[in-house]
Amino acid sequence: MRRDRIVPLIIAVALFMENMDSTVIATSLPAIAADIGTNPLALKLAVTSYLLSLAIFIPASGWTADRFGARTVFRAAIAVFVLGSIGCALSNSLTDFVIARIVQGMGGAMMTPVGRMVLVRSISRRELVAAMAWVTTPALIGPVIGPPVGGFITTYATWHWIFLINVPIGLLGIVLATRFIEDVRAEHRERFDIAGMIYAGLGIAGIAFGLSVAGLNFLPWPVVASLIIGGAIFIAAYLVHARHTAVPALDLTLFRLPTFRASALGGFVFRIGIGALPFLLPLMLQVGFGKSPFESGMITFASAAGAMGMKMAAATLLKRFGFRAILMSNAILSSAFLATCYFFSETTPAAIMFGVLLIGGFFRSLQFTSINTIAYAEVEQARISRATALTSVGQQLSLSAGVALGALAVDLTAQFHGHTDLRAEDFQVAFLFVAAISAASVFIFQRLSAHAGAELSGRAPPDGG
């Protein structure tokens, strides 16, 4: 297999492992809680601790890869993630489990941005669209198939295998990375911004954690508000700090590049809506329609199938229409298919829901591939590691915000209907709400030049008209 294909595949498998694992335990929490002697509500700490660990360590990923080499850090990230997985499987208490999830988060925080950096640095710009499609797919598939896979494994084996299955996958990833991935690193070593990492890490963690539990009745509202406000204060402190630091932990000057700004800001808004889908849809199917986790998983898997089908078409479509046209039209199309979930009911045939999600998954995957690729259109080689760290932070925050806003919409709708138990009709308005947010990203993408990213898409020379 050609190197320009095997490298994206290696990275995609690693990111699939990380993306799926972040959601796979959702349907297995009751079984895990019973086995380690705690209750499912307390075990939510395992989910949020993973999120916190990701948020805190992502800002350090770019500098670490530049300093020690991308291949070295990528392999180490996989190894740390596998060790955390083993720790989860061997846990006998809530404390053990939370600590193991934090270790997993440390590995995941390095795996995603460093893997993307390896891709951008080792693949030619003309091949980047096709390669990025491979890397985008696991981010879409993981959250969709995670819950049904977790439920299947827990039902027919034991919950321990949810984590032990990562061991052979991780070991294979390390071997393949050693053989096929170059140990690229920065030519000039820069001093690490420790203070910036602390400010950014605490700020991101506070906001991401606060948003992730908002609307879930997991913590009292004053605590949630304190987390979000405290995170915002640390972010503000970081902004002041970054203005007086030569090489900050997160390079915000990248926002001066039009293509990066559109990718980061437009992608943030788009993901807020789309990020709520893996949270809202399984809940509506199971809680609202009374379907089993396996039945729900078979329907939601359609999004993953649509994402897989996009891989072959992304490069052709972008070359034909260009990034600006694809990003604008696709923002509307993806949001429209998301809004279509409003019409789902207990009597809607599974085949109809599957078809809608299948086509919607295609457009969402195309949008994510386009967003992730154009981010690097104007980023020079020396700043690629900083760009990957900054985009990963934005993605983490937007997905957390999406889940929070989706949960809040469902909760407010239930209160409006005058009942405390969730019903099917409580989810309908939420789909319209998050779809409207995603559609609003079109106003950011329309500011792009018609020839934005032309070198990447191969549609026209950068100075062509």
Foldseek 3Di string as FASTA:
>chain_A
DDLLALLLLLLLLLLLLLLQLLAQCVQVLQQLCVQLPHHSLLLVLLNLLLLLLLLLQLLVQLLVCQVFFLLVLLLVLLVQLLQLLLQCLPDNHSVSSSVSSSSNSNSSSNSQLSSLLLSVVVHDLQCQLLSLLSNLLSNQQSLLQSHLVSVVCVVPPNNSCSSNVSVVSSVVSSVSSVVRGDRDHFPDRDDADPLLSVLSSQLLSLLLSLLLCALVPSDDPVSSVCSNVVSVVSVVVSVVVQVVDPDGSADPCLCVDLLLVLLLVLVLLQCLLVLQCSVQQLCLCCQALVDDSNLSSVLSSLLSLLSVVLSVPLLVVCLVQNLLVLLQVLLLVLLVLLLCCLPDHNPPDSVVSSVSSNNSSNSVSSNNSSSSSLSCLPPDSNCSSSSSSNSVSSSSSSSSNSNSQLSNQLCVQCVVVPDDRGYNNSNNVSSNVSSVSSNVSSVSSNPDDSCRSCSNSVNDPSPDD
